[in-house]
Amino acid sequence: MTTRERRLSVFLLAFIALAGSGFFGYQFVVSPLRARSAEIARVQDEIEQRDARIARIRKRKPDLDRWKKLSLPADAADGTKPPEPAVVRPGTEPVARADLAQREYEDQLNKMLRASGFAAGDITIIPKKPDAKNVPQLANKKPIFTRLLFTVQLKGDLASLVDWMTRYYKVRLLHQVRNLSVTVPIGGANRGATPTDLDITMTIEALVLDTAEQRKTLLPDKPVDVPPLLARKDEQYAMIAGKNVFFGPPQVERRDTGPSFDVSPFVRLNGITSGPNGLEATLWDGYHNRDYKISPKSIGGYRVEVLFTLGGRKRTDSDRGGSTLSVRDADGSTADEWSIVRIDPREVILRDDEGYYALHIGQSLADIKALSKDEVAARGIKPDAAKEAPKKSAQDEP
């Protein structure tokens, strides 16, 4: 072997030794260190995420405290100490304890529906079995809440439904309307329904938390400080009933009869809306083809305008209107006249020499209801609110 060959052999052996050392060093030292560093970074990121989640949960703890109070109650109906929750074993179903909550909530629904104008015979509330199975569970398989479902079937007008929805969303509980169906009944007139009746079906859900307050009443003793759900004033919601999408203006047929013909069935209250100075009411006189618009004046009292259509334009009937609601007979003479006492979201309160009357949305003047003294007092009307008799056809100042 020559000197040159020996030198090449030494260099080759040295290169092989160096490459082998580098390979073993990367494989058994560098690579495990990198893997461990990546694992440490992953664990640190997981810890940070858990810490952030814990911080968010702690930040929401005041919400949980409010939810406990907004939950339907979990107390016993007789006021005794409620039984301890059953121990949940693997393979068994939790037992829902919501008798008090279900009973009290159903009673509350019924009261609100009656107060909104639905007749008792037109209200059907069907409670379903409390559901604690198909809900989220804690680590010990205990359900976080019990779900109460109610199917509500109603028959009534749109104004009553709007009024009930307004009342419903003022009740601060953990509940919601899951489904709502409103349809016009087929052949309603044949089964005794009024022309503005609707068939209403809804599904309502309410919750009883596992940590709910053990109280004897449905609502908490002290009001819970939570943001309001309704974004508008009550009278603005009345505009929904005033713009009824299910029934347009009543279609009536004009008949030429003698001067004694009663036109009151043709004059109907078809809307109550919100105006610059408060609620405004509109009536349609189908016999004379006239619109009545009753609006509050900024200085107090009410203004009645009578409008008709000519040449595609609304025009004011200067011979009619004023500060009272005056209805003409078939021959054009004044048949009835009322003072306007008040306009409410669902009705107009009128007065004549004999007493007070309530005209409901969708009703004609033939259906006007005389109010008793107790009904007048219940509406907060003082007996001397409109003491003077109506003045005949007085032209009112704008």
Protein backbone atom coordinates (compact mmCIF):
# COMPACT_ATOMS: atom_id res chain seq x y z
CA MET A 1 0.00 0.00 0.00
CA THR A 2 1.42 3.34 -1.02
CA THR A 3 1.52 6.44 1.12
CA ARG A 4 -1.29 7.97 -0.93
CA GLU A 5 -3.54 4.97 -0.38
CA ARG A 6 -2.89 4.99 3.35
CA ARG A 7 -3.91 8.68 3.55
CA LEU A 8 -7.15 8.01 1.66
CA SER A 9 -7.97 5.11 3.97
CA VAL A 10 -7.43 7.30 7.05
CA PHE A 11 -9.68 10.05 5.65
CA LEU A 12 -12.41 7.54 4.74
CA LEU A 13 -12.34 5.94 8.18
CA ALA A 14 -12.45 9.36 9.82
CA PHE A 15 -15.47 10.39 7.66
CA ILE A 16 -17.31 7.18 8.50
CA ALA A 17 -16.66 7.63 12.21
CA LEU A 18 -17.84 11.25 12.10
CA ALA A 19 -20.99 10.44 10.13
CA GLY A 20 -21.82 7.57 12.45
CA SER A 21 -21.36 9.77 15.51
CA GLY A 22 -23.63 12.45 14.01
CA PHE A 23 -26.32 9.92 13.12
CA PHE A 24 -26.33 8.31 16.56
CA GLY A 25 -26.21 11.74 18.23
CA TYR A 26 -29.26 13.00 16.27
CA GLN A 27 -31.18 9.76 16.65
CA PHE A 28 -30.64 9.26 20.37
CA VAL A 29 -30.05 12.79 21.69
CA VAL A 30 -31.35 15.60 19.48
CA SER A 31 -34.55 13.91 18.32
CA PRO A 32 -35.73 12.91 21.84
CA LEU A 33 -34.95 16.45 23.06
CA ARG A 34 -37.05 17.97 20.27
CA ALA A 35 -39.90 15.54 20.95
CA ARG A 36 -39.82 16.38 24.64
CA SER A 37 -39.76 20.10 23.91
CA ALA A 38 -42.79 19.72 21.65
CA GLU A 39 -44.60 17.71 24.35
CA ILE A 40 -43.77 20.37 26.96
CA ALA A 41 -45.13 23.09 24.65
CA ARG A 42 -48.30 21.07 24.04
CA VAL A 43 -48.85 20.52 27.74
CA GLN A 44 -48.23 24.19 28.48
CA ASP A 45 -50.71 25.19 25.78
CA GLU A 46 -53.28 22.78 27.24
CA ILE A 47 -52.69 24.22 30.70
CA GLU A 48 -53.17 27.75 29.38
CA GLN A 49 -56.40 26.74 27.64
CA ARG A 50 -57.70 25.11 30.82
CA ASP A 51 -56.72 28.15 32.88
CA ALA A 52 -58.52 30.38 30.38
CA ARG A 53 -61.60 28.14 30.52
CA ILE A 54 -61.52 28.16 34.33
CA ALA A 55 -61.26 31.97 34.24
CA ARG A 56 -64.26 32.17 31.89
CA ILE A 57 -66.25 29.85 34.14
CA ARG A 58 -65.39 31.90 37.22
CA LYS A 59 -66.34 35.05 35.35
CA ARG A 60 -69.74 33.52 34.56
CA LYS A 61 -70.38 32.47 38.15
CA PRO A 62 -72.63 35.52 38.79
CA ASP A 63 -74.69 34.34 35.81
CA LEU A 64 -75.03 30.90 37.40
CA ASP A 65 -76.21 32.51 40.63
CA ARG A 66 -78.87 34.40 38.65
CA TRP A 67 -79.87 31.25 36.76
CA LYS A 68 -80.44 29.44 40.06
CA LYS A 69 -82.97 32.12 40.98
CA LEU A 70 -84.51 32.24 37.49
CA SER A 71 -84.92 28.48 37.46
CA LEU A 72 -88.30 27.02 38.23
CA PRO A 73 -88.45 25.91 41.89
CA ALA A 74 -87.39 22.47 43.08
CA ASP A 75 -89.17 22.50 46.45
CA ALA A 76 -91.85 20.11 47.64
CA ALA A 77 -95.46 21.09 47.09
CA ASP A 78 -96.49 20.72 50.75
CA GLY A 79 -93.70 22.93 52.04
CA THR A 80 -91.77 20.08 53.61
CA LYS A 81 -88.14 19.41 52.91
CA PRO A 82 -87.78 17.98 49.40
CA PRO A 83 -86.48 14.44 49.13
CA GLU A 84 -82.83 13.94 48.42
CA PRO A 85 -82.01 13.22 44.77
CA ALA A 86 -81.83 9.54 43.99
CA VAL A 87 -78.38 8.05 43.57
CA VAL A 88 -77.74 7.56 39.89
CA ARG A 89 -76.06 4.27 39.12
CA PRO A 90 -74.60 3.29 35.76
CA GLY A 91 -77.32 1.94 33.48
CA THR A 92 -80.18 3.62 35.39
CA GLU A 93 -82.17 6.71 34.45
CA PRO A 94 -82.34 9.77 36.73
CA VAL A 95 -85.69 10.50 38.33
CA ALA A 96 -87.10 13.95 37.52
CA ARG A 97 -88.52 15.77 40.53
CA ALA A 98 -90.51 18.71 39.10
CA ASP A 99 -94.10 18.26 40.31
CA LEU A 100 -94.32 21.68 41.97
CA ALA A 101 -92.62 23.49 39.12
CA GLN A 102 -94.83 21.88 36.49
CA ARG A 103 -98.04 22.55 38.38
CA GLU A 104 -97.21 26.16 39.28
CA TYR A 105 -95.92 26.98 35.78
CA GLU A 106 -99.03 25.56 34.12
CA ASP A 107 -101.17 27.68 36.44
CA GLN A 108 -99.12 30.78 35.55
CA LEU A 109 -99.58 30.12 31.83
CA ASN A 110 -103.32 29.78 32.28
CA LYS A 111 -103.57 33.03 34.27
CA MET A 112 -101.64 35.01 31.66
CA LEU A 113 -103.74 33.58 28.83
CA ARG A 114 -106.98 34.46 30.61
CA ALA A 115 -105.71 37.97 31.38
CA SER A 116 -104.87 38.44 27.68
CA GLY A 117 -108.45 37.85 26.59
CA PHE A 118 -108.52 34.13 25.76
CA ALA A 119 -111.71 32.44 26.96
CA ALA A 120 -111.32 29.55 29.39
CA GLY A 121 -112.97 27.15 26.94
CA ASP A 122 -110.50 28.13 24.22
CA ILE A 123 -107.38 27.27 26.27
CA THR A 124 -105.85 23.80 26.32
CA ILE A 125 -102.52 23.22 28.12
CA ILE A 126 -101.03 19.73 27.83
CA PRO A 127 -98.00 19.14 30.09
CA LYS A 128 -95.58 16.42 29.06
CA LYS A 129 -93.56 14.14 31.31
CA PRO A 130 -90.51 15.95 32.78
CA ASP A 131 -87.39 15.05 30.82
CA ALA A 132 -84.10 14.60 32.69
CA LYS A 133 -82.65 12.03 30.34
CA ASN A 134 -81.93 13.85 27.09
CA VAL A 135 -80.03 16.69 28.79
CA PRO A 136 -76.35 17.38 29.57
CA GLN A 137 -74.97 15.53 32.59
CA LEU A 138 -72.30 16.12 35.19
CA ALA A 139 -69.35 13.78 35.73
CA ASN A 140 -71.42 11.74 38.22
CA LYS A 141 -74.17 11.20 35.58
CA LYS A 142 -76.46 13.63 37.37
CA PRO A 143 -78.55 15.75 34.94
CA ILE A 144 -77.73 19.45 34.96
CA PHE A 145 -81.40 20.38 34.57
CA THR A 146 -84.86 18.91 34.08
CA ARG A 147 -86.76 20.01 30.99
CA LEU A 148 -90.50 20.74 31.27
CA LEU A 149 -92.46 20.84 28.01
CA PHE A 150 -96.01 22.12 27.49
CA THR A 151 -98.19 22.02 24.39
CA VAL A 152 -100.61 24.98 24.36
CA GLN A 153 -103.59 25.08 21.99
CA LEU A 154 -105.63 28.27 21.74
CA LYS A 155 -108.41 29.90 19.78
CA GLY A 156 -108.50 33.68 19.77
CA ASP A 157 -107.59 36.84 17.92
CA LEU A 158 -104.19 38.27 17.08
CA ALA A 159 -104.52 41.06 19.66
CA SER A 160 -104.86 38.51 22.46
CA LEU A 161 -101.82 36.61 21.21
CA VAL A 162 -99.69 39.78 21.05
CA ASP A 163 -100.80 40.77 24.54
CA TRP A 164 -99.95 37.31 25.90
CA MET A 165 -96.51 37.27 24.26
CA THR A 166 -95.78 40.66 25.86
CA ARG A 167 -96.80 39.33 29.27
CA TYR A 168 -94.86 36.08 28.75
CA TYR A 169 -91.52 37.77 28.06
CA LYS A 170 -91.90 39.96 31.16
CA VAL A 171 -91.88 36.85 33.38
CA ARG A 172 -88.23 36.34 34.28
CA LEU A 173 -87.78 32.57 34.35
CA LEU A 174 -85.70 30.07 32.41
CA HIS A 175 -88.34 29.42 29.77
CA GLN A 176 -88.91 29.94 26.07
CA VAL A 177 -91.41 29.39 23.28
CA ARG A 178 -89.88 26.61 21.18
CA ASN A 179 -92.49 26.48 18.41
CA LEU A 180 -95.38 28.73 17.43
CA SER A 181 -97.99 28.01 14.75
CA VAL A 182 -100.77 30.48 13.86
CA THR A 183 -103.34 29.53 11.23
CA VAL A 184 -106.70 30.79 10.02
CA PRO A 185 -109.36 28.17 10.87
CA ILE A 186 -111.06 26.50 7.93
CA GLY A 187 -114.81 27.02 8.07
CA GLY A 188 -114.48 29.00 11.29
CA ALA A 189 -117.80 30.76 10.83
CA ASN A 190 -119.57 27.42 10.61
CA ARG A 191 -118.27 26.28 13.98
CA GLY A 192 -119.13 29.43 15.89
CA ALA A 193 -115.78 31.22 15.68
CA THR A 194 -115.67 35.01 15.38
CA PRO A 195 -114.38 36.41 12.06
CA THR A 196 -111.01 37.28 13.59
CA ASP A 197 -110.36 34.03 15.48
CA LEU A 198 -107.11 32.14 14.86
CA ASP A 199 -105.97 28.61 15.70
CA ILE A 200 -102.77 28.91 17.75
CA THR A 201 -100.49 26.06 18.77
CA MET A 202 -97.20 26.47 20.61
CA THR A 203 -94.62 24.41 22.45
CA ILE A 204 -93.17 25.98 25.59
CA GLU A 205 -90.07 24.78 27.44
CA ALA A 206 -89.08 25.61 31.02
CA LEU A 207 -86.05 24.43 33.02
CA VAL A 208 -85.49 23.28 36.59
CA LEU A 209 -81.76 23.40 37.39
CA ASP A 210 -80.22 20.76 39.62
CA THR A 211 -79.12 23.62 41.91
CA ALA A 212 -82.47 25.49 41.73
CA GLU A 213 -83.75 27.41 44.73
CA GLN A 214 -86.01 25.44 47.04
CA ARG A 215 -88.90 27.87 47.33
CA LYS A 216 -92.66 27.51 47.61
CA THR A 217 -93.51 30.01 44.88
CA LEU A 218 -92.95 29.93 41.13
CA LEU A 219 -91.22 33.31 40.96
CA PRO A 220 -88.25 34.29 43.18
CA ASP A 221 -89.02 36.32 46.29
CA LYS A 222 -86.84 39.20 45.08
CA PRO A 223 -86.68 40.36 41.45
CA VAL A 224 -83.53 39.20 39.66
CA ASP A 225 -81.42 41.93 38.06
CA VAL A 226 -81.23 40.84 34.42
CA PRO A 227 -81.45 42.81 31.16
CA PRO A 228 -84.99 43.19 29.76
CA LEU A 229 -86.05 40.98 26.87
CA LEU A 230 -88.58 43.37 25.34
CA ALA A 231 -86.93 46.06 23.26
CA ARG A 232 -89.96 48.30 22.80
CA LYS A 233 -92.74 49.86 24.78
CA ASP A 234 -96.00 47.94 25.23
CA GLU A 235 -98.04 50.23 23.00
CA GLN A 236 -95.63 49.67 20.11
CA TYR A 237 -96.27 45.93 20.21
CA ALA A 238 -99.96 46.72 19.74
CA MET A 239 -99.08 47.77 16.20
CA ILE A 240 -98.74 44.07 15.35
CA ALA A 241 -102.42 43.50 16.06
CA GLY A 242 -103.34 46.73 14.29
CA LYS A 243 -101.64 45.48 11.10
CA ASN A 244 -103.31 42.07 11.04
CA VAL A 245 -101.65 39.89 8.37
CA PHE A 246 -104.38 37.24 8.63
CA PHE A 247 -107.50 39.37 8.10
CA GLY A 248 -107.82 42.46 5.96
CA PRO A 249 -110.57 45.09 6.23
CA PRO A 250 -113.97 43.41 6.59
CA GLN A 251 -115.73 42.85 3.27
CA VAL A 252 -119.32 44.03 3.61
CA GLU A 253 -122.02 44.51 1.05
CA ARG A 254 -123.79 47.83 0.98
CA ARG A 255 -127.56 47.61 0.84
CA ASP A 256 -129.88 50.48 -0.01
CA THR A 257 -132.56 50.35 2.66
CA GLY A 258 -134.70 52.80 4.51
CA PRO A 259 -133.42 55.53 6.87
CA SER A 260 -134.04 53.32 9.93
CA PHE A 261 -131.47 50.76 8.78
CA ASP A 262 -128.84 50.09 11.51
CA VAL A 263 -125.33 50.56 10.10
CA SER A 264 -123.50 49.73 13.35
CA PRO A 265 -122.60 46.16 12.19
CA PHE A 266 -120.71 47.78 9.29
CA VAL A 267 -118.50 50.00 11.50
CA ARG A 268 -115.59 47.94 12.83
CA LEU A 269 -112.47 48.68 14.87
CA ASN A 270 -109.76 47.30 12.59
CA GLY A 271 -106.54 48.58 14.13
CA ILE A 272 -104.69 50.23 17.01
CA THR A 273 -101.26 51.60 16.23
CA SER A 274 -98.66 53.85 17.83
CA GLY A 275 -98.61 57.51 16.80
CA PRO A 276 -96.61 60.62 17.73
CA ASN A 277 -98.78 61.39 20.78
CA GLY A 278 -99.73 57.85 21.78
CA LEU A 279 -102.00 55.08 20.57
CA GLU A 280 -104.24 55.75 17.58
CA ALA A 281 -107.35 53.77 16.57
CA THR A 282 -108.84 53.26 13.12
CA LEU A 283 -112.38 52.17 12.26
CA TRP A 284 -113.82 51.24 8.88
CA ASP A 285 -117.41 52.19 7.97
CA GLY A 286 -118.17 49.66 5.27
CA TYR A 287 -121.63 51.06 4.61
CA HIS A 288 -120.58 54.66 3.91
CA ASN A 289 -117.03 53.76 2.73
CA ARG A 290 -115.44 55.95 5.35
CA ASP A 291 -112.33 55.58 7.56
CA TYR A 292 -112.39 56.90 11.12
CA LYS A 293 -109.06 57.87 12.63
CA ILE A 294 -109.00 58.58 16.39
CA SER A 295 -105.75 60.15 17.61
CA PRO A 296 -104.75 61.87 20.87
CA LYS A 297 -104.03 65.59 20.83
CA SER A 298 -100.87 66.94 22.42
CA ILE A 299 -102.96 69.20 24.69
CA GLY A 300 -105.20 66.34 25.83
CA GLY A 301 -108.38 64.77 24.52
CA TYR A 302 -108.89 63.08 21.18
CA ARG A 303 -109.42 64.13 17.58
CA VAL A 304 -111.66 62.16 15.21
CA GLU A 305 -111.01 62.44 11.48
CA VAL A 306 -113.28 60.93 8.83
CA LEU A 307 -111.61 60.08 5.51
CA PHE A 308 -112.81 58.81 2.15
CA THR A 309 -111.10 57.91 -1.10
CA LEU A 310 -111.65 59.92 -4.26
CA GLY A 311 -109.51 59.75 -7.38
CA GLY A 312 -107.09 57.38 -5.67
CA ARG A 313 -106.41 59.89 -2.86
CA LYS A 314 -107.47 60.00 0.78
CA ARG A 315 -109.57 63.07 1.49
CA THR A 316 -111.08 64.48 4.68
CA ASP A 317 -114.84 64.55 5.07
CA SER A 318 -115.25 68.09 6.39
CA ASP A 319 -118.89 67.50 7.36
CA ARG A 320 -117.98 64.78 9.82
CA GLY A 321 -115.42 64.31 12.58
CA GLY A 322 -114.60 66.41 15.62
CA SER A 323 -113.90 65.46 19.20
CA THR A 324 -116.46 62.62 19.38
CA LEU A 325 -117.12 59.41 17.48
CA SER A 326 -120.33 60.07 15.56
CA VAL A 327 -122.01 57.36 13.48
CA ARG A 328 -124.46 58.27 10.73
CA ASP A 329 -127.61 56.39 9.80
CA ALA A 330 -128.44 55.18 6.30
CA ASP A 331 -129.98 58.57 5.51
CA GLY A 332 -126.90 60.43 6.82
CA SER A 333 -128.36 61.60 10.14
CA THR A 334 -126.48 61.04 13.40
CA ALA A 335 -127.50 57.72 14.95
CA ASP A 336 -125.03 57.34 17.88
CA GLU A 337 -122.30 59.44 19.39
CA TRP A 338 -119.63 58.64 21.97
CA SER A 339 -116.87 60.47 23.78
CA ILE A 340 -113.46 58.81 23.59
CA VAL A 341 -112.21 58.07 27.09
CA ARG A 342 -109.05 56.10 26.33
CA ILE A 343 -107.28 53.99 23.73
CA ASP A 344 -105.65 50.82 25.08
CA PRO A 345 -103.44 48.36 23.15
CA ARG A 346 -106.40 46.06 22.51
CA GLU A 347 -109.56 48.16 22.87
CA VAL A 348 -111.07 51.63 22.81
CA ILE A 349 -113.05 52.87 25.82
CA LEU A 350 -116.08 54.99 24.85
CA ARG A 351 -118.74 56.84 26.86
CA ASP A 352 -122.21 58.21 26.29
CA ASP A 353 -124.97 59.45 28.57
CA GLU A 354 -125.73 55.92 29.74
CA GLY A 355 -122.26 54.68 30.68
CA TYR A 356 -118.93 53.30 29.50
CA TYR A 357 -118.28 50.82 26.71
CA ALA A 358 -115.33 48.75 25.44
CA LEU A 359 -114.79 48.17 21.71
CA HIS A 360 -112.33 45.33 21.09
CA ILE A 361 -110.12 45.05 17.99
CA GLY A 362 -112.09 43.22 15.30
CA GLN A 363 -115.48 44.05 16.82
CA SER A 364 -118.15 46.19 15.19
CA LEU A 365 -120.16 48.84 16.99
CA ALA A 366 -123.02 46.32 17.08
CA ASP A 367 -120.83 44.15 19.35
CA ILE A 368 -119.80 46.96 21.69
CA LYS A 369 -119.73 45.86 25.33
CA ALA A 370 -121.23 47.89 28.16
CA LEU A 371 -118.90 48.01 31.17
CA SER A 372 -120.08 47.56 34.73
CA LYS A 373 -118.87 49.82 37.54
CA ASP A 374 -116.40 47.17 38.66
CA GLU A 375 -115.01 46.79 35.13
CA VAL A 376 -114.65 50.56 34.83
CA ALA A 377 -112.81 50.69 38.15
CA ALA A 378 -110.60 47.74 37.15
CA ARG A 379 -109.46 49.71 34.12
CA GLY A 380 -108.45 52.63 36.34
CA ILE A 381 -111.13 54.96 34.99
CA LYS A 382 -112.58 57.48 37.40
CA PRO A 383 -116.36 57.95 37.19
CA ASP A 384 -115.94 61.62 36.38
CA ALA A 385 -113.32 61.06 33.67
CA ALA A 386 -115.81 62.05 30.98
CA LYS A 387 -118.60 63.68 32.95
CA GLU A 388 -119.92 65.91 30.22
CA ALA A 389 -122.28 64.52 27.61
CA PRO A 390 -121.00 64.30 24.02
CA LYS A 391 -121.42 67.40 21.96
CA LYS A 392 -123.01 66.88 18.59
CA SER A 393 -120.62 67.07 15.64
CA ALA A 394 -118.42 69.80 17.09
CA GLN A 395 -115.60 70.54 14.64
CA ASP A 396 -112.38 70.14 16.55
CA GLU A 397 -109.39 72.37 16.30
CA PRO A 398 -106.19 70.59 15.04
